[in-house]
Amino acid sequence: MLAATRRLRIGQIITQEGQVQVSDLARRFRVSDETIRRDLAELEKEGILQRNYGGAILKQPIESALLPPLEERQVVHR
């Protein structure tokens, strides 16, 4: 599975469940804990989640992290 696909799925899981554990994700995706930690670090940079010891919690809904601010969208779509 590609990293981008795995990260998208992790984003979906954390959006549904509100939190994730590194060990659970590693087992689910059949990758190492370190791979999951790198994925969580990338998702944290994107503002989707906040990492904590052994996992991560949802920071904000994934859709709002991907959308530009309302003011910017209004200017673009005039």
C-alpha atoms as a PDB file:
ATOM      1  CA  MET A   1       0.000   0.000   0.000  1.00  0.00           C
ATOM      2  CA  LEU A   2       1.277   3.449  -0.881  1.00  0.00           C
ATOM      3  CA  ALA A   3       2.058   5.827   1.971  1.00  0.00           C
ATOM      4  CA  ALA A   4      -0.453   8.391   0.682  1.00  0.00           C
ATOM      5  CA  THR A   5      -3.234   5.794   0.641  1.00  0.00           C
ATOM      6  CA  ARG A   6      -2.316   4.583   4.112  1.00  0.00           C
ATOM      7  CA  ARG A   7      -2.310   8.155   5.452  1.00  0.00           C
ATOM      8  CA  LEU A   8      -5.709   8.809   3.916  1.00  0.00           C
ATOM      9  CA  ARG A   9      -7.077   5.700   5.613  1.00  0.00           C
ATOM     10  CA  ILE A  10      -5.483   6.696   8.924  1.00  0.00           C
ATOM     11  CA  GLY A  11      -7.175  10.092   8.559  1.00  0.00           C
ATOM     12  CA  GLN A  12     -10.512   8.371   7.995  1.00  0.00           C
ATOM     13  CA  ILE A  13     -10.016   6.110  11.004  1.00  0.00           C
ATOM     14  CA  ILE A  14      -9.079   8.931  13.350  1.00  0.00           C
ATOM     15  CA  THR A  15     -12.012  11.019  12.086  1.00  0.00           C
ATOM     16  CA  GLN A  16     -14.403   8.180  12.933  1.00  0.00           C
ATOM     17  CA  GLU A  17     -12.853   7.051  16.205  1.00  0.00           C
ATOM     18  CA  GLY A  18     -11.330  10.278  17.539  1.00  0.00           C
ATOM     19  CA  GLN A  19      -8.059   8.581  18.467  1.00  0.00           C
ATOM     20  CA  VAL A  20      -5.662   5.901  17.260  1.00  0.00           C
ATOM     21  CA  GLN A  21      -2.878   3.771  18.718  1.00  0.00           C
ATOM     22  CA  VAL A  22       0.399   3.172  16.868  1.00  0.00           C
ATOM     23  CA  SER A  23       0.411  -0.555  17.630  1.00  0.00           C
ATOM     24  CA  ASP A  24      -3.179  -1.026  16.415  1.00  0.00           C
ATOM     25  CA  LEU A  25      -2.494   0.800  13.158  1.00  0.00           C
ATOM     26  CA  ALA A  26       0.740  -1.124  12.587  1.00  0.00           C
ATOM     27  CA  ARG A  27      -1.133  -4.396  12.975  1.00  0.00           C
ATOM     28  CA  ARG A  28      -4.019  -3.243  10.791  1.00  0.00           C
ATOM     29  CA  PHE A  29      -1.789  -2.082   7.929  1.00  0.00           C
ATOM     30  CA  ARG A  30       0.896  -4.747   8.455  1.00  0.00           C
ATOM     31  CA  VAL A  31       3.739  -2.238   8.690  1.00  0.00           C
ATOM     32  CA  SER A  32       6.229  -1.357  11.419  1.00  0.00           C
ATOM     33  CA  ASP A  33       5.476   0.956  14.325  1.00  0.00           C
ATOM     34  CA  GLU A  34       8.069   3.367  12.942  1.00  0.00           C
ATOM     35  CA  THR A  35       6.237   3.578   9.603  1.00  0.00           C
ATOM     36  CA  ILE A  36       3.040   4.510  11.433  1.00  0.00           C
ATOM     37  CA  ARG A  37       4.912   7.088  13.527  1.00  0.00           C
ATOM     38  CA  ARG A  38       6.176   8.723  10.310  1.00  0.00           C
ATOM     39  CA  ASP A  39       2.635   8.717   8.902  1.00  0.00           C
ATOM     40  CA  LEU A  40       1.302  10.316  12.088  1.00  0.00           C
ATOM     41  CA  ALA A  41       4.066  12.939  11.952  1.00  0.00           C
ATOM     42  CA  GLU A  42       3.011  13.878   8.407  1.00  0.00           C
ATOM     43  CA  LEU A  43      -0.658  14.062   9.376  1.00  0.00           C
ATOM     44  CA  GLU A  44       0.281  16.221  12.354  1.00  0.00           C
ATOM     45  CA  LYS A  45       2.142  18.622  10.020  1.00  0.00           C
ATOM     46  CA  GLU A  46      -1.063  18.842   7.960  1.00  0.00           C
ATOM     47  CA  GLY A  47      -2.964  19.812  11.125  1.00  0.00           C
ATOM     48  CA  ILE A  48      -5.232  16.773  11.135  1.00  0.00           C
ATOM     49  CA  LEU A  49      -4.153  15.198  14.404  1.00  0.00           C
ATOM     50  CA  GLN A  50      -2.069  15.736  17.485  1.00  0.00           C
ATOM     51  CA  ARG A  51       0.395  13.019  18.354  1.00  0.00           C
ATOM     52  CA  ASN A  52       0.719  11.775  21.901  1.00  0.00           C
ATOM     53  CA  TYR A  53       2.480   8.916  23.636  1.00  0.00           C
ATOM     54  CA  GLY A  54       1.628   5.718  21.758  1.00  0.00           C
ATOM     55  CA  GLY A  55      -0.830   7.234  19.305  1.00  0.00           C
ATOM     56  CA  ALA A  56      -2.704  10.349  18.281  1.00  0.00           C
ATOM     57  CA  ILE A  57      -5.970  12.215  18.783  1.00  0.00           C
ATOM     58  CA  LEU A  58      -8.132  14.098  16.299  1.00  0.00           C
ATOM     59  CA  LYS A  59      -7.266  17.774  16.133  1.00  0.00           C
ATOM     60  CA  GLN A  60     -10.005  18.896  13.752  1.00  0.00           C
ATOM     61  CA  PRO A  61     -12.226  17.335  11.103  1.00  0.00           C
ATOM     62  CA  ILE A  62     -10.150  16.233   8.126  1.00  0.00           C
ATOM     63  CA  GLU A  63     -12.290  18.138   5.599  1.00  0.00           C
ATOM     64  CA  SER A  64     -11.619  21.481   7.294  1.00  0.00           C
ATOM     65  CA  ALA A  65      -7.874  20.781   7.307  1.00  0.00           C
ATOM     66  CA  LEU A  66      -7.935  20.352   3.529  1.00  0.00           C
ATOM     67  CA  LEU A  67     -10.116  23.356   2.691  1.00  0.00           C
ATOM     68  CA  PRO A  68      -8.689  26.871   2.475  1.00  0.00           C
ATOM     69  CA  PRO A  69     -10.287  29.520   4.715  1.00  0.00           C
ATOM     70  CA  LEU A  70     -13.751  30.751   3.680  1.00  0.00           C
ATOM     71  CA  GLU A  71     -12.495  34.236   2.784  1.00  0.00           C
ATOM     72  CA  GLU A  72      -9.937  32.786   0.393  1.00  0.00           C
ATOM     73  CA  ARG A  73     -12.516  30.527  -1.276  1.00  0.00           C
ATOM     74  CA  GLN A  74     -14.923  33.461  -1.721  1.00  0.00           C
ATOM     75  CA  VAL A  75     -12.276  35.515  -3.528  1.00  0.00           C
ATOM     76  CA  VAL A  76     -11.286  32.615  -5.799  1.00  0.00           C
ATOM     77  CA  HIS A  77     -14.859  31.724  -6.757  1.00  0.00           C
ATOM     78  CA  ARG A  78     -16.174  35.219  -7.586  1.00  0.00           C
END
